[in-house]
Amino acid sequence: MEIINFTKEERNAIAEYIHSFKQDILIKSDAIKLVDVLNNHNLIEGVAGWKKDIENNSPDISEALCMLIYEGVSLKQMKGILAEYYKN
């Protein structure tokens, strides 16, 4: 899996979503930022549908978004993003 050139803002959006997910909290604004980041890097399709599901608190939306992250971003890169986030 290739390393994706995320901006600092995008890396923060990913880490904030993961942090919220680990706390078992769906913060809609974080989820929508994540969808936008994934869309910017062609890692998601049907953005409008995802955003609608977030707004409607659809069951399992949090888990589905996490799966998209782990399918599109390498584990090594994800560890780096989280380390950078928690370091700040």
C-alpha atoms as a PDB file:
ATOM      1  CA  MET A   1       0.000   0.000   0.000  1.00  0.00           C
ATOM      2  CA  GLU A   2       1.412   3.376  -0.967  1.00  0.00           C
ATOM      3  CA  ILE A   3       1.983   6.264   1.417  1.00  0.00           C
ATOM      4  CA  ILE A   4      -0.578   9.018   0.847  1.00  0.00           C
ATOM      5  CA  ASN A   5       0.597  12.609   0.986  1.00  0.00           C
ATOM      6  CA  PHE A   6      -1.930  13.966   3.492  1.00  0.00           C
ATOM      7  CA  THR A   7      -1.661  17.572   4.631  1.00  0.00           C
ATOM      8  CA  LYS A   8      -1.232  18.274   8.343  1.00  0.00           C
ATOM      9  CA  GLU A   9      -4.891  19.321   8.489  1.00  0.00           C
ATOM     10  CA  GLU A  10      -5.937  16.046   6.827  1.00  0.00           C
ATOM     11  CA  ARG A  11      -3.787  13.989   9.195  1.00  0.00           C
ATOM     12  CA  ASN A  12      -5.397  15.780  12.135  1.00  0.00           C
ATOM     13  CA  ALA A  13      -8.877  15.077  10.731  1.00  0.00           C
ATOM     14  CA  ILE A  14      -8.058  11.367  10.481  1.00  0.00           C
ATOM     15  CA  ALA A  15      -6.595  11.235  13.984  1.00  0.00           C
ATOM     16  CA  GLU A  16      -9.479  13.189  15.514  1.00  0.00           C
ATOM     17  CA  TYR A  17     -11.954  10.765  13.998  1.00  0.00           C
ATOM     18  CA  ILE A  18     -10.011   7.739  15.246  1.00  0.00           C
ATOM     19  CA  HIS A  19      -9.723   9.301  18.707  1.00  0.00           C
ATOM     20  CA  SER A  20     -13.497   9.870  18.839  1.00  0.00           C
ATOM     21  CA  PHE A  21     -14.146   6.360  17.549  1.00  0.00           C
ATOM     22  CA  LYS A  22     -11.983   4.864  20.295  1.00  0.00           C
ATOM     23  CA  GLN A  23     -14.052   6.805  22.825  1.00  0.00           C
ATOM     24  CA  ASP A  24     -17.219   5.358  21.225  1.00  0.00           C
ATOM     25  CA  ILE A  25     -18.401   8.834  20.259  1.00  0.00           C
ATOM     26  CA  LEU A  26     -19.647   9.945  16.848  1.00  0.00           C
ATOM     27  CA  ILE A  27     -18.786  13.594  16.377  1.00  0.00           C
ATOM     28  CA  LYS A  28     -20.558  14.464  13.164  1.00  0.00           C
ATOM     29  CA  SER A  29     -18.207  17.305  12.235  1.00  0.00           C
ATOM     30  CA  ASP A  30     -15.176  15.001  12.617  1.00  0.00           C
ATOM     31  CA  ALA A  31     -16.857  12.303  10.547  1.00  0.00           C
ATOM     32  CA  ILE A  32     -17.720  14.748   7.769  1.00  0.00           C
ATOM     33  CA  LYS A  33     -14.147  16.097   7.752  1.00  0.00           C
ATOM     34  CA  LEU A  34     -12.939  12.514   7.449  1.00  0.00           C
ATOM     35  CA  VAL A  35     -15.253  11.851   4.502  1.00  0.00           C
ATOM     36  CA  ASP A  36     -13.917  14.980   2.798  1.00  0.00           C
ATOM     37  CA  VAL A  37     -10.310  13.861   3.361  1.00  0.00           C
ATOM     38  CA  LEU A  38     -11.025  10.388   2.013  1.00  0.00           C
ATOM     39  CA  ASN A  39     -12.797  11.918  -0.973  1.00  0.00           C
ATOM     40  CA  ASN A  40      -9.849  14.256  -1.685  1.00  0.00           C
ATOM     41  CA  HIS A  41      -7.647  11.172  -2.056  1.00  0.00           C
ATOM     42  CA  ASN A  42     -10.141   9.008  -3.957  1.00  0.00           C
ATOM     43  CA  LEU A  43     -10.571   6.595  -1.057  1.00  0.00           C
ATOM     44  CA  ILE A  44     -14.368   6.826  -0.913  1.00  0.00           C
ATOM     45  CA  GLU A  45     -17.291   6.853  -3.316  1.00  0.00           C
ATOM     46  CA  GLY A  46     -20.774   8.241  -2.852  1.00  0.00           C
ATOM     47  CA  VAL A  47     -19.782  11.107  -0.562  1.00  0.00           C
ATOM     48  CA  ALA A  48     -23.299  12.553  -0.386  1.00  0.00           C
ATOM     49  CA  GLY A  49     -24.654   9.220   0.847  1.00  0.00           C
ATOM     50  CA  TRP A  50     -21.962   8.925   3.509  1.00  0.00           C
ATOM     51  CA  LYS A  51     -22.661  12.444   4.745  1.00  0.00           C
ATOM     52  CA  LYS A  52     -26.389  11.732   4.851  1.00  0.00           C
ATOM     53  CA  ASP A  53     -25.745   8.566   6.880  1.00  0.00           C
ATOM     54  CA  ILE A  54     -23.576  10.561   9.296  1.00  0.00           C
ATOM     55  CA  GLU A  55     -26.233  13.235   9.730  1.00  0.00           C
ATOM     56  CA  ASN A  56     -28.879  10.565  10.322  1.00  0.00           C
ATOM     57  CA  ASN A  57     -26.717   8.621  12.812  1.00  0.00           C
ATOM     58  CA  SER A  58     -27.127   5.495  10.714  1.00  0.00           C
ATOM     59  CA  PRO A  59     -26.286   2.266  12.545  1.00  0.00           C
ATOM     60  CA  ASP A  60     -22.685   1.140  12.152  1.00  0.00           C
ATOM     61  CA  ILE A  61     -21.606   4.339  10.337  1.00  0.00           C
ATOM     62  CA  SER A  62     -18.664   4.769  12.718  1.00  0.00           C
ATOM     63  CA  GLU A  63     -17.386   1.264  12.074  1.00  0.00           C
ATOM     64  CA  ALA A  64     -17.872   1.645   8.316  1.00  0.00           C
ATOM     65  CA  LEU A  65     -15.818   4.841   8.278  1.00  0.00           C
ATOM     66  CA  CYS A  66     -13.038   3.163  10.242  1.00  0.00           C
ATOM     67  CA  MET A  67     -12.978   0.313   7.759  1.00  0.00           C
ATOM     68  CA  LEU A  68     -12.528   2.825   4.939  1.00  0.00           C
ATOM     69  CA  ILE A  69      -9.550   4.325   6.739  1.00  0.00           C
ATOM     70  CA  TYR A  70      -7.901   0.975   7.346  1.00  0.00           C
ATOM     71  CA  GLU A  71      -8.556  -0.155   3.772  1.00  0.00           C
ATOM     72  CA  GLY A  72      -7.067   3.022   2.279  1.00  0.00           C
ATOM     73  CA  VAL A  73      -4.271   4.001   4.653  1.00  0.00           C
ATOM     74  CA  SER A  74      -1.385   1.698   5.475  1.00  0.00           C
ATOM     75  CA  LEU A  75      -0.960   0.591   9.065  1.00  0.00           C
ATOM     76  CA  LYS A  76       2.508   2.138   9.161  1.00  0.00           C
ATOM     77  CA  GLN A  77       1.176   5.494   7.979  1.00  0.00           C
ATOM     78  CA  MET A  78      -1.762   5.302  10.383  1.00  0.00           C
ATOM     79  CA  LYS A  79       0.609   4.720  13.303  1.00  0.00           C
ATOM     80  CA  GLY A  80       2.608   7.762  12.221  1.00  0.00           C
ATOM     81  CA  ILE A  81      -0.516   9.921  11.958  1.00  0.00           C
ATOM     82  CA  LEU A  82      -1.691   8.892  15.434  1.00  0.00           C
ATOM     83  CA  ALA A  83       1.776   9.377  16.942  1.00  0.00           C
ATOM     84  CA  GLU A  84       1.954  12.872  15.463  1.00  0.00           C
ATOM     85  CA  TYR A  85      -1.536  13.698  16.740  1.00  0.00           C
ATOM     86  CA  TYR A  86      -0.948  12.514  20.291  1.00  0.00           C
ATOM     87  CA  LYS A  87       2.476  14.185  20.389  1.00  0.00           C
ATOM     88  CA  ASN A  88       0.931  17.611  19.711  1.00  0.00           C
END
